[in-house]
Amino acid sequence: MTELSWQKSSFSGGDAGNSCLEVAIGIGGLRHLRESDDASVVITSSTAKLRAFILGAKAGEFDHLI
């Protein structure tokens, strides 16, 4: 994977101990997501699929999983 410019969530604290979501845009507009506490694990998705997932989460489509 080429070098990505990771952006940290604005909801994350500045402390080194805080876990947070980081996002980067890669080649072809693919979106990459990772947790700051384990940067070696990266999820890659298209913009459309990531948008559908976020909208589904906001709408409660996955609430039955918890």
C-alpha atoms as a PDB file:
ATOM      1  CA  MET A   1       0.000   0.000   0.000  1.00  0.00           C
ATOM      2  CA  THR A   2       1.331   3.436  -0.869  1.00  0.00           C
ATOM      3  CA  GLU A   3       1.962   6.019   1.839  1.00  0.00           C
ATOM      4  CA  LEU A   4      -1.354   7.425   3.017  1.00  0.00           C
ATOM      5  CA  SER A   5      -2.085  10.706   4.761  1.00  0.00           C
ATOM      6  CA  TRP A   6      -4.183   9.705   7.788  1.00  0.00           C
ATOM      7  CA  GLN A   7      -6.715  12.113   9.298  1.00  0.00           C
ATOM      8  CA  LYS A   8      -7.814  11.642  12.897  1.00  0.00           C
ATOM      9  CA  SER A   9     -11.441  12.050  13.940  1.00  0.00           C
ATOM     10  CA  SER A  10     -12.255  15.441  15.438  1.00  0.00           C
ATOM     11  CA  PHE A  11     -13.973  13.574  18.299  1.00  0.00           C
ATOM     12  CA  SER A  12     -10.654  12.040  19.395  1.00  0.00           C
ATOM     13  CA  GLY A  13      -8.624  13.426  22.248  1.00  0.00           C
ATOM     14  CA  GLY A  14      -5.038  14.500  21.797  1.00  0.00           C
ATOM     15  CA  ASP A  15      -3.597  12.111  24.390  1.00  0.00           C
ATOM     16  CA  ALA A  16      -1.419   9.238  23.225  1.00  0.00           C
ATOM     17  CA  GLY A  17      -3.597   6.746  25.124  1.00  0.00           C
ATOM     18  CA  ASN A  18      -6.801   7.599  23.281  1.00  0.00           C
ATOM     19  CA  SER A  19      -8.013   5.169  20.662  1.00  0.00           C
ATOM     20  CA  CYS A  20      -9.609   6.815  17.679  1.00  0.00           C
ATOM     21  CA  LEU A  21     -10.670   6.309  14.110  1.00  0.00           C
ATOM     22  CA  GLU A  22      -8.379   7.518  11.343  1.00  0.00           C
ATOM     23  CA  VAL A  23      -9.348   7.871   7.683  1.00  0.00           C
ATOM     24  CA  ALA A  24      -7.300   8.271   4.504  1.00  0.00           C
ATOM     25  CA  ILE A  25      -8.155   8.607   0.826  1.00  0.00           C
ATOM     26  CA  GLY A  26      -6.119   6.346  -1.429  1.00  0.00           C
ATOM     27  CA  ILE A  27      -5.612   5.640  -5.107  1.00  0.00           C
ATOM     28  CA  GLY A  28      -8.823   5.732  -7.108  1.00  0.00           C
ATOM     29  CA  GLY A  29     -10.654   7.458  -4.266  1.00  0.00           C
ATOM     30  CA  LEU A  30     -10.767   4.339  -2.088  1.00  0.00           C
ATOM     31  CA  ARG A  31     -11.362   5.085   1.600  1.00  0.00           C
ATOM     32  CA  HIS A  32      -9.109   3.494   4.215  1.00  0.00           C
ATOM     33  CA  LEU A  33     -10.037   3.274   7.906  1.00  0.00           C
ATOM     34  CA  ARG A  34      -7.991   2.170  10.911  1.00  0.00           C
ATOM     35  CA  GLU A  35      -7.957   2.342  14.687  1.00  0.00           C
ATOM     36  CA  SER A  36      -5.057   4.381  16.025  1.00  0.00           C
ATOM     37  CA  ASP A  37      -4.252   1.754  18.667  1.00  0.00           C
ATOM     38  CA  ASP A  38      -3.587  -0.907  15.963  1.00  0.00           C
ATOM     39  CA  ALA A  39      -2.512   0.926  12.831  1.00  0.00           C
ATOM     40  CA  SER A  40      -1.519  -2.307  11.070  1.00  0.00           C
ATOM     41  CA  VAL A  41      -5.187  -3.276  10.527  1.00  0.00           C
ATOM     42  CA  VAL A  42      -6.734  -1.256   7.698  1.00  0.00           C
ATOM     43  CA  ILE A  43     -10.234  -1.561   6.228  1.00  0.00           C
ATOM     44  CA  THR A  44     -10.585  -0.437   2.609  1.00  0.00           C
ATOM     45  CA  SER A  45     -13.893   0.478   0.997  1.00  0.00           C
ATOM     46  CA  SER A  46     -15.339   2.388  -1.905  1.00  0.00           C
ATOM     47  CA  THR A  47     -16.878   5.768  -1.150  1.00  0.00           C
ATOM     48  CA  ALA A  48     -20.387   4.527  -1.952  1.00  0.00           C
ATOM     49  CA  LYS A  49     -20.147   1.435   0.268  1.00  0.00           C
ATOM     50  CA  LEU A  50     -18.674   3.378   3.182  1.00  0.00           C
ATOM     51  CA  ARG A  51     -21.425   5.998   2.846  1.00  0.00           C
ATOM     52  CA  ALA A  52     -24.102   3.270   2.846  1.00  0.00           C
ATOM     53  CA  PHE A  53     -22.564   1.707   5.962  1.00  0.00           C
ATOM     54  CA  ILE A  54     -22.430   5.034   7.837  1.00  0.00           C
ATOM     55  CA  LEU A  55     -26.023   5.879   6.898  1.00  0.00           C
ATOM     56  CA  GLY A  56     -27.131   2.397   7.994  1.00  0.00           C
ATOM     57  CA  ALA A  57     -25.344   2.757  11.330  1.00  0.00           C
ATOM     58  CA  LYS A  58     -26.942   6.163  11.908  1.00  0.00           C
ATOM     59  CA  ALA A  59     -30.357   4.693  11.085  1.00  0.00           C
ATOM     60  CA  GLY A  60     -29.897   1.887  13.632  1.00  0.00           C
ATOM     61  CA  GLU A  61     -29.707  -0.947  11.103  1.00  0.00           C
ATOM     62  CA  PHE A  62     -27.026  -2.703  13.158  1.00  0.00           C
ATOM     63  CA  ASP A  63     -28.443  -2.089  16.645  1.00  0.00           C
ATOM     64  CA  HIS A  64     -29.592  -5.698  16.912  1.00  0.00           C
ATOM     65  CA  LEU A  65     -25.931  -6.812  16.916  1.00  0.00           C
ATOM     66  CA  ILE A  66     -25.207  -5.347  20.357  1.00  0.00           C
END
